[in-house]
Amino acid sequence: GRFNVPAKFKAIFEEQYGSNIVICSKKNYLMISPEKEWVKTEEKLLALNNSEDENEKEKIRAVFQNSTYGEIKSGKISLPQKQREKVGIKVKEEAVLIGMATSFEIWSQDEWAKYSG
C-alpha cells in the first residue's frame, strides 16, 4: 500500500510544496496534489456549490467524498486501500506515475495500458 515517489518528483514536490498532499481517486487513477494546490481546487468547487444545478453538486460531492489527506514520508506515500481498490492498483504491483504540472497521477499498469493504448 506504499508508493515510492521517484527522487526527482519527491525533491521538486517537497521543495515547492512541503510533504502534505491530498489523494483523490478518479475513475481510473489516483490524483496526488500538494495540499497548497488542493486548497485552490476546493475554493473553485465551493464557488460552484452555490449552483442550483444538481449535476454540478453531485460532481462536487464525488470529489470531496473520494479525497483524503496524506503525506510524503521518506519518499513514500501510503495509499489507502479503499482508494487503491477503486482504481485497480494491487498490492506489490508496479504502478505508473504520470506527472501533471502541479500534481501527478498514479495508475495501475492495466488501466494505464487500456487508456494509453
N, C-alpha and C. Protein backbone atom coordinates (compact mmCIF):
# COMPACT_ATOMS: atom_id res chain seq x y z
N GLY A 1 0.79 -1.21 0.00
CA GLY A 1 0.00 0.00 0.00
C GLY A 1 0.83 1.27 0.00
N ARG A 2 2.17 1.10 -0.09
CA ARG A 2 3.01 2.30 -0.10
C ARG A 2 3.59 2.47 -1.50
N PHE A 3 3.58 3.70 -1.96
CA PHE A 3 4.07 4.02 -3.29
C PHE A 3 5.37 4.81 -3.15
N ASN A 4 6.43 4.33 -3.80
CA ASN A 4 7.71 5.04 -3.78
C ASN A 4 7.69 6.17 -4.81
N VAL A 5 7.82 7.37 -4.34
CA VAL A 5 7.86 8.53 -5.23
C VAL A 5 9.27 8.65 -5.79
N PRO A 6 9.42 8.71 -7.11
CA PRO A 6 10.78 8.87 -7.67
C PRO A 6 11.47 10.10 -7.08
N ALA A 7 12.77 9.97 -6.87
CA ALA A 7 13.55 11.03 -6.22
C ALA A 7 13.37 12.38 -6.88
N LYS A 8 13.31 12.41 -8.21
CA LYS A 8 13.14 13.67 -8.94
C LYS A 8 11.83 14.37 -8.55
N PHE A 9 10.73 13.61 -8.53
CA PHE A 9 9.44 14.18 -8.16
C PHE A 9 9.44 14.59 -6.70
N LYS A 10 9.98 13.72 -5.85
CA LYS A 10 10.00 13.99 -4.41
C LYS A 10 10.72 15.30 -4.12
N ALA A 11 11.89 15.49 -4.71
CA ALA A 11 12.68 16.70 -4.46
C ALA A 11 11.93 17.95 -4.88
N ILE A 12 11.37 17.94 -6.06
CA ILE A 12 10.62 19.11 -6.56
C ILE A 12 9.39 19.36 -5.69
N PHE A 13 8.65 18.30 -5.43
CA PHE A 13 7.42 18.40 -4.65
C PHE A 13 7.68 19.00 -3.28
N GLU A 14 8.64 18.40 -2.56
CA GLU A 14 8.90 18.85 -1.19
C GLU A 14 9.50 20.25 -1.16
N GLU A 15 10.33 20.57 -2.14
CA GLU A 15 10.94 21.90 -2.18
C GLU A 15 9.89 22.98 -2.42
N GLN A 16 8.98 22.73 -3.32
CA GLN A 16 7.98 23.74 -3.68
C GLN A 16 6.74 23.72 -2.79
N TYR A 17 6.39 22.53 -2.25
CA TYR A 17 5.10 22.42 -1.57
C TYR A 17 5.15 21.83 -0.16
N GLY A 18 6.24 21.24 0.23
CA GLY A 18 6.26 20.53 1.50
C GLY A 18 5.79 19.10 1.31
N SER A 19 5.45 18.41 2.38
CA SER A 19 5.13 16.99 2.27
C SER A 19 3.65 16.67 2.37
N ASN A 20 2.80 17.66 2.68
CA ASN A 20 1.36 17.40 2.82
C ASN A 20 0.70 17.32 1.44
N ILE A 21 -0.11 16.27 1.27
CA ILE A 21 -0.76 16.02 -0.02
C ILE A 21 -2.23 15.68 0.17
N VAL A 22 -2.94 15.67 -0.94
CA VAL A 22 -4.31 15.16 -0.99
C VAL A 22 -4.35 14.08 -2.06
N ILE A 23 -4.95 12.95 -1.71
CA ILE A 23 -5.09 11.83 -2.63
C ILE A 23 -6.56 11.76 -3.03
N CYS A 24 -6.82 11.89 -4.31
CA CYS A 24 -8.19 11.88 -4.81
C CYS A 24 -8.35 10.76 -5.83
N SER A 25 -9.27 9.84 -5.57
CA SER A 25 -9.49 8.77 -6.53
C SER A 25 -10.45 9.26 -7.61
N LYS A 26 -10.00 9.10 -8.83
CA LYS A 26 -10.79 9.43 -10.01
C LYS A 26 -11.33 8.12 -10.57
N LYS A 27 -11.80 8.12 -11.80
CA LYS A 27 -12.38 6.91 -12.37
C LYS A 27 -11.34 5.80 -12.52
N ASN A 28 -10.16 6.11 -13.05
CA ASN A 28 -9.16 5.08 -13.36
C ASN A 28 -7.82 5.28 -12.66
N TYR A 29 -7.67 6.30 -11.88
CA TYR A 29 -6.36 6.62 -11.31
C TYR A 29 -6.50 7.41 -10.02
N LEU A 30 -5.39 7.55 -9.32
CA LEU A 30 -5.34 8.41 -8.13
C LEU A 30 -4.62 9.69 -8.50
N MET A 31 -5.19 10.81 -8.15
CA MET A 31 -4.55 12.11 -8.37
C MET A 31 -3.93 12.54 -7.05
N ILE A 32 -2.64 12.86 -7.09
CA ILE A 32 -1.91 13.31 -5.91
C ILE A 32 -1.61 14.79 -6.10
N SER A 33 -2.14 15.61 -5.20
CA SER A 33 -1.94 17.05 -5.29
C SER A 33 -1.29 17.56 -4.02
N PRO A 34 -0.40 18.54 -4.15
CA PRO A 34 0.10 19.19 -2.93
C PRO A 34 -1.08 19.85 -2.22
N GLU A 35 -1.06 19.83 -0.92
CA GLU A 35 -2.16 20.43 -0.16
C GLU A 35 -2.36 21.90 -0.55
N LYS A 36 -1.27 22.62 -0.78
CA LYS A 36 -1.37 24.03 -1.16
C LYS A 36 -2.13 24.22 -2.46
N GLU A 37 -1.95 23.32 -3.42
CA GLU A 37 -2.68 23.38 -4.69
C GLU A 37 -4.12 22.91 -4.51
N TRP A 38 -4.34 21.94 -3.66
CA TRP A 38 -5.67 21.40 -3.41
C TRP A 38 -6.59 22.49 -2.86
N VAL A 39 -6.06 23.37 -2.04
CA VAL A 39 -6.86 24.46 -1.48
C VAL A 39 -7.48 25.29 -2.61
N LYS A 40 -6.74 25.50 -3.69
CA LYS A 40 -7.26 26.24 -4.85
C LYS A 40 -8.42 25.48 -5.50
N THR A 41 -8.28 24.17 -5.59
CA THR A 41 -9.35 23.33 -6.15
C THR A 41 -10.58 23.40 -5.27
N GLU A 42 -10.39 23.31 -3.97
CA GLU A 42 -11.52 23.40 -3.03
C GLU A 42 -12.27 24.72 -3.20
N GLU A 43 -11.53 25.82 -3.34
CA GLU A 43 -12.16 27.13 -3.50
C GLU A 43 -13.03 27.17 -4.75
N LYS A 44 -12.53 26.61 -5.84
CA LYS A 44 -13.31 26.56 -7.09
C LYS A 44 -14.56 25.72 -6.91
N LEU A 45 -14.42 24.57 -6.25
CA LEU A 45 -15.56 23.70 -6.04
C LEU A 45 -16.61 24.35 -5.13
N LEU A 46 -16.14 25.02 -4.10
CA LEU A 46 -17.07 25.68 -3.19
C LEU A 46 -17.83 26.81 -3.88
N ALA A 47 -17.18 27.48 -4.83
CA ALA A 47 -17.86 28.52 -5.60
C ALA A 47 -18.97 27.91 -6.46
N LEU A 48 -18.72 26.73 -6.99
CA LEU A 48 -19.74 26.03 -7.79
C LEU A 48 -20.87 25.50 -6.93
N ASN A 49 -20.59 25.29 -5.65
CA ASN A 49 -21.57 24.72 -4.74
C ASN A 49 -22.82 25.58 -4.61
N ASN A 50 -22.74 26.85 -4.94
CA ASN A 50 -23.89 27.74 -4.87
C ASN A 50 -24.86 27.53 -6.04
N SER A 51 -24.44 26.72 -6.98
CA SER A 51 -25.26 26.43 -8.16
C SER A 51 -26.51 25.66 -7.76
N GLU A 52 -27.57 25.89 -8.51
CA GLU A 52 -28.80 25.13 -8.31
C GLU A 52 -28.79 23.85 -9.14
N ASP A 53 -27.78 23.69 -9.98
CA ASP A 53 -27.65 22.54 -10.85
C ASP A 53 -27.25 21.31 -10.03
N GLU A 54 -28.15 20.35 -9.94
CA GLU A 54 -27.91 19.17 -9.11
C GLU A 54 -26.77 18.31 -9.67
N ASN A 55 -26.55 18.34 -10.99
CA ASN A 55 -25.43 17.60 -11.57
C ASN A 55 -24.09 18.16 -11.09
N GLU A 56 -24.00 19.48 -11.01
CA GLU A 56 -22.78 20.13 -10.51
C GLU A 56 -22.54 19.74 -9.05
N LYS A 57 -23.59 19.76 -8.26
CA LYS A 57 -23.45 19.41 -6.85
C LYS A 57 -23.00 17.95 -6.69
N GLU A 58 -23.51 17.07 -7.56
CA GLU A 58 -23.12 15.66 -7.50
C GLU A 58 -21.63 15.50 -7.81
N LYS A 59 -21.12 16.25 -8.77
CA LYS A 59 -19.70 16.21 -9.11
C LYS A 59 -18.85 16.70 -7.93
N ILE A 60 -19.31 17.75 -7.28
CA ILE A 60 -18.59 18.30 -6.12
C ILE A 60 -18.55 17.27 -4.99
N ARG A 61 -19.69 16.65 -4.71
CA ARG A 61 -19.75 15.63 -3.67
C ARG A 61 -18.77 14.50 -3.97
N ALA A 62 -18.74 14.07 -5.22
CA ALA A 62 -17.87 12.96 -5.61
C ALA A 62 -16.40 13.29 -5.37
N VAL A 63 -16.01 14.51 -5.68
CA VAL A 63 -14.61 14.90 -5.47
C VAL A 63 -14.26 14.87 -3.99
N PHE A 64 -15.08 15.49 -3.16
CA PHE A 64 -14.79 15.53 -1.73
C PHE A 64 -14.89 14.14 -1.09
N GLN A 65 -15.85 13.36 -1.52
CA GLN A 65 -16.06 12.02 -0.98
C GLN A 65 -14.89 11.09 -1.30
N ASN A 66 -14.22 11.31 -2.41
CA ASN A 66 -13.15 10.43 -2.86
C ASN A 66 -11.76 10.99 -2.58
N SER A 67 -11.66 11.95 -1.67
CA SER A 67 -10.38 12.58 -1.36
C SER A 67 -10.00 12.35 0.10
N THR A 68 -8.70 12.25 0.31
CA THR A 68 -8.19 12.09 1.67
C THR A 68 -6.83 12.79 1.77
N TYR A 69 -6.50 13.25 2.96
CA TYR A 69 -5.22 13.89 3.18
C TYR A 69 -4.15 12.84 3.45
N GLY A 70 -2.93 13.14 3.04
CA GLY A 70 -1.81 12.24 3.26
C GLY A 70 -0.52 13.02 3.37
N GLU A 71 0.58 12.29 3.28
CA GLU A 71 1.89 12.91 3.45
C GLU A 71 2.94 12.07 2.72
N ILE A 72 3.92 12.75 2.17
CA ILE A 72 5.07 12.04 1.63
C ILE A 72 6.06 11.90 2.78
N LYS A 73 6.35 10.65 3.16
CA LYS A 73 7.28 10.37 4.26
C LYS A 73 8.39 9.48 3.72
N SER A 74 9.61 9.93 3.87
CA SER A 74 10.77 9.17 3.41
C SER A 74 10.63 8.74 1.95
N GLY A 75 10.03 9.62 1.16
CA GLY A 75 9.88 9.33 -0.27
C GLY A 75 8.77 8.37 -0.61
N LYS A 76 7.89 8.09 0.35
CA LYS A 76 6.80 7.15 0.12
C LYS A 76 5.45 7.79 0.46
N ILE A 77 4.43 7.32 -0.26
CA ILE A 77 3.06 7.73 0.03
C ILE A 77 2.27 6.48 0.41
N SER A 78 1.57 6.54 1.52
CA SER A 78 0.69 5.44 1.90
C SER A 78 -0.65 5.66 1.19
N LEU A 79 -0.98 4.74 0.29
CA LEU A 79 -2.22 4.84 -0.48
C LEU A 79 -3.31 4.04 0.22
N PRO A 80 -4.39 4.70 0.64
CA PRO A 80 -5.46 3.98 1.34
C PRO A 80 -6.02 2.83 0.50
N GLN A 81 -6.29 1.72 1.16
CA GLN A 81 -6.76 0.51 0.49
C GLN A 81 -8.01 0.76 -0.34
N LYS A 82 -8.98 1.46 0.21
CA LYS A 82 -10.23 1.73 -0.50
C LYS A 82 -9.97 2.47 -1.81
N GLN A 83 -9.08 3.42 -1.78
CA GLN A 83 -8.77 4.18 -2.99
C GLN A 83 -8.00 3.32 -4.00
N ARG A 84 -7.05 2.51 -3.52
CA ARG A 84 -6.30 1.61 -4.41
C ARG A 84 -7.25 0.66 -5.11
N GLU A 85 -8.15 0.06 -4.33
CA GLU A 85 -9.09 -0.90 -4.90
C GLU A 85 -10.00 -0.25 -5.93
N LYS A 86 -10.43 0.96 -5.66
CA LYS A 86 -11.34 1.66 -6.57
C LYS A 86 -10.74 1.83 -7.97
N VAL A 87 -9.43 2.06 -8.03
CA VAL A 87 -8.79 2.32 -9.33
C VAL A 87 -7.99 1.11 -9.84
N GLY A 88 -8.05 0.00 -9.12
CA GLY A 88 -7.43 -1.24 -9.59
C GLY A 88 -5.95 -1.39 -9.33
N ILE A 89 -5.41 -0.67 -8.37
CA ILE A 89 -4.00 -0.83 -8.02
C ILE A 89 -3.89 -1.94 -6.98
N LYS A 90 -3.14 -2.98 -7.32
CA LYS A 90 -2.98 -4.14 -6.44
C LYS A 90 -1.69 -4.00 -5.62
N VAL A 91 -1.72 -4.56 -4.41
CA VAL A 91 -0.53 -4.55 -3.55
C VAL A 91 0.58 -5.32 -4.26
N LYS A 92 1.80 -4.81 -4.15
CA LYS A 92 3.00 -5.41 -4.74
C LYS A 92 2.98 -5.39 -6.26
N GLU A 93 2.14 -4.57 -6.84
CA GLU A 93 2.11 -4.42 -8.29
C GLU A 93 2.83 -3.13 -8.66
N GLU A 94 3.51 -3.14 -9.76
CA GLU A 94 4.11 -1.91 -10.27
C GLU A 94 2.98 -0.96 -10.65
N ALA A 95 3.17 0.30 -10.40
CA ALA A 95 2.19 1.31 -10.78
C ALA A 95 2.88 2.32 -11.70
N VAL A 96 2.08 3.10 -12.39
CA VAL A 96 2.59 4.07 -13.36
C VAL A 96 2.36 5.47 -12.80
N LEU A 97 3.40 6.28 -12.79
CA LEU A 97 3.30 7.67 -12.33
C LEU A 97 3.32 8.58 -13.55
N ILE A 98 2.35 9.49 -13.63
CA ILE A 98 2.27 10.45 -14.73
C ILE A 98 2.32 11.85 -14.12
N GLY A 99 3.33 12.63 -14.47
CA GLY A 99 3.46 13.99 -13.98
C GLY A 99 2.47 14.92 -14.68
N MET A 100 1.83 15.78 -13.92
CA MET A 100 0.80 16.68 -14.46
C MET A 100 0.99 18.10 -13.90
N ALA A 101 2.08 18.75 -14.25
CA ALA A 101 2.37 20.13 -13.82
C ALA A 101 2.43 20.25 -12.29
N THR A 102 1.33 20.58 -11.62
CA THR A 102 1.36 20.77 -10.17
C THR A 102 0.84 19.57 -9.40
N SER A 103 0.62 18.46 -10.08
CA SER A 103 0.16 17.24 -9.42
C SER A 103 0.72 16.05 -10.20
N PHE A 104 0.41 14.85 -9.73
CA PHE A 104 0.72 13.68 -10.54
C PHE A 104 -0.35 12.62 -10.32
N GLU A 105 -0.39 11.69 -11.27
CA GLU A 105 -1.38 10.62 -11.23
C GLU A 105 -0.66 9.29 -11.02
N ILE A 106 -1.35 8.38 -10.33
CA ILE A 106 -0.85 7.02 -10.15
C ILE A 106 -1.90 6.08 -10.74
N TRP A 107 -1.49 5.30 -11.73
CA TRP A 107 -2.36 4.37 -12.43
C TRP A 107 -1.87 2.94 -12.20
N SER A 108 -2.79 1.99 -12.21
CA SER A 108 -2.37 0.59 -12.27
C SER A 108 -1.81 0.36 -13.68
N GLN A 109 -0.93 -0.59 -13.84
CA GLN A 109 -0.37 -0.86 -15.16
C GLN A 109 -1.47 -1.25 -16.14
N ASP A 110 -2.42 -2.06 -15.70
CA ASP A 110 -3.50 -2.50 -16.59
C ASP A 110 -4.35 -1.32 -17.06
N GLU A 111 -4.75 -0.46 -16.13
CA GLU A 111 -5.59 0.69 -16.50
C GLU A 111 -4.84 1.65 -17.43
N TRP A 112 -3.54 1.85 -17.15
CA TRP A 112 -2.75 2.75 -18.00
C TRP A 112 -2.63 2.17 -19.41
N ALA A 113 -2.42 0.87 -19.51
CA ALA A 113 -2.31 0.22 -20.83
C ALA A 113 -3.62 0.37 -21.61
N LYS A 114 -4.76 0.21 -20.94
CA LYS A 114 -6.06 0.40 -21.60
C LYS A 114 -6.23 1.84 -22.07
N TYR A 115 -5.86 2.78 -21.20
CA TYR A 115 -6.04 4.20 -21.51
C TYR A 115 -5.11 4.66 -22.62
N SER A 116 -3.84 4.29 -22.52
CA SER A 116 -2.84 4.83 -23.46
C SER A 116 -2.74 4.04 -24.75
N GLY A 117 -3.39 2.87 -24.76
CA GLY A 117 -3.46 2.07 -25.99
C GLY A 117 -2.13 1.57 -26.40
